[in-house]
Amino acid sequence: MQCAVYDTYVRKKDGDVMHFDVVVEAKTPHEKAIEFGKKYLESVGEGEQQMTQEECQFCHIQQAPPRIESDIQNNGYYIQKMEGCPA
């Protein structure tokens, strides 16, 4: 599966920055990737933080590894945690 990767930086309530990628099927609209990112933020207690096209920007298209492809098929998206994300 070809997937689109959206590089995302969101300022947390404590002022630190969370860096994560929202990974979706390549044909998924950007607005839907932002919705998925907001869903992730809600799941980690940061749901009220701003997330727009400015915070979540298209980065590239790549082939999804099997584990990521499975998550996308089951949930519609995958979150690749980078910096400042809760464990």
Protein backbone atom coordinates (compact mmCIF):
# COMPACT_ATOMS: atom_id res chain seq x y z
CA MET A 1 0.00 0.00 0.00
CA GLN A 2 1.19 3.49 -0.85
CA CYS A 3 0.81 5.80 2.12
CA ALA A 4 1.01 9.54 2.64
CA VAL A 5 3.07 10.82 5.56
CA TYR A 6 2.09 14.08 7.27
CA ASP A 7 4.82 15.61 9.42
CA THR A 8 3.13 17.05 12.51
CA TYR A 9 4.27 19.42 15.25
CA VAL A 10 1.80 20.37 17.99
CA ARG A 11 2.46 22.57 21.03
CA LYS A 12 1.34 20.73 24.16
CA LYS A 13 -0.44 22.30 27.16
CA ASP A 14 2.87 22.43 29.06
CA GLY A 15 4.52 24.37 26.20
CA ASP A 16 6.64 21.48 24.91
CA VAL A 17 6.26 20.29 21.33
CA MET A 18 4.99 16.90 20.20
CA HIS A 19 6.41 15.69 16.89
CA PHE A 20 4.66 12.79 15.19
CA ASP A 21 3.70 11.60 11.73
CA VAL A 22 0.14 10.89 10.69
CA VAL A 23 0.34 8.08 8.13
CA VAL A 24 -2.69 7.37 5.92
CA GLU A 25 -3.48 5.66 2.63
CA ALA A 26 -2.12 7.84 -0.18
CA LYS A 27 -5.59 8.73 -1.55
CA THR A 28 -6.81 10.01 1.85
CA PRO A 29 -7.62 13.76 1.83
CA HIS A 30 -5.39 16.06 3.91
CA GLU A 31 -8.41 17.12 6.00
CA LYS A 32 -8.95 13.50 7.03
CA ALA A 33 -5.29 13.19 8.10
CA ILE A 34 -5.81 16.25 10.31
CA GLU A 35 -8.94 14.63 11.82
CA PHE A 36 -6.92 11.51 12.61
CA GLY A 37 -4.21 13.63 14.20
CA LYS A 38 -6.81 15.36 16.37
CA LYS A 39 -8.17 11.95 17.39
CA TYR A 40 -4.66 10.95 18.48
CA LEU A 41 -4.25 14.20 20.43
CA GLU A 42 -7.53 13.52 22.25
CA SER A 43 -6.33 10.02 23.14
CA VAL A 44 -3.24 11.46 24.88
CA GLY A 45 -5.03 14.27 26.72
CA GLU A 46 -4.04 17.06 24.32
CA GLY A 47 -7.32 17.29 22.40
CA GLU A 48 -7.78 21.02 22.90
CA GLN A 49 -4.45 21.86 21.25
CA GLN A 50 -4.47 23.51 17.82
CA MET A 51 -3.98 21.25 14.83
CA THR A 52 -4.44 22.69 11.35
CA GLN A 53 -2.69 22.37 7.99
CA GLU A 54 0.05 24.53 9.50
CA GLU A 55 0.83 21.95 12.22
CA CYS A 56 0.19 18.89 10.00
CA GLN A 57 1.95 19.19 6.66
CA PHE A 58 2.26 16.70 3.83
CA CYS A 59 5.78 15.27 3.73
CA HIS A 60 5.98 12.37 1.25
CA ILE A 61 4.51 9.17 -0.20
CA GLN A 62 6.08 5.81 0.61
CA GLN A 63 5.37 2.10 0.65
CA ALA A 64 3.80 1.14 3.99
CA PRO A 65 5.53 -1.61 5.97
CA PRO A 66 3.18 -4.52 6.86
CA ARG A 67 2.53 -3.41 10.47
CA ILE A 68 1.66 0.14 9.43
CA GLU A 69 -0.46 -1.10 6.52
CA SER A 70 -2.41 -3.30 8.94
CA ASP A 71 -3.10 -0.36 11.29
CA ILE A 72 -4.21 1.81 8.36
CA GLN A 73 -6.57 -0.93 7.13
CA ASN A 74 -8.02 -1.43 10.62
CA ASN A 75 -8.10 2.17 11.91
CA GLY A 76 -7.73 4.40 8.84
CA TYR A 77 -4.39 5.78 10.04
CA TYR A 78 -1.15 5.12 11.90
CA ILE A 79 0.71 7.48 14.25
CA GLN A 80 4.50 7.36 14.16
CA LYS A 81 5.56 8.92 17.47
CA MET A 82 8.75 10.95 17.30
CA GLU A 83 9.60 13.57 19.95
CA GLY A 84 7.63 14.67 23.00
CA CYS A 85 4.90 12.04 22.58
CA PRO A 86 3.63 10.06 25.56
CA ALA A 87 4.75 6.43 25.65
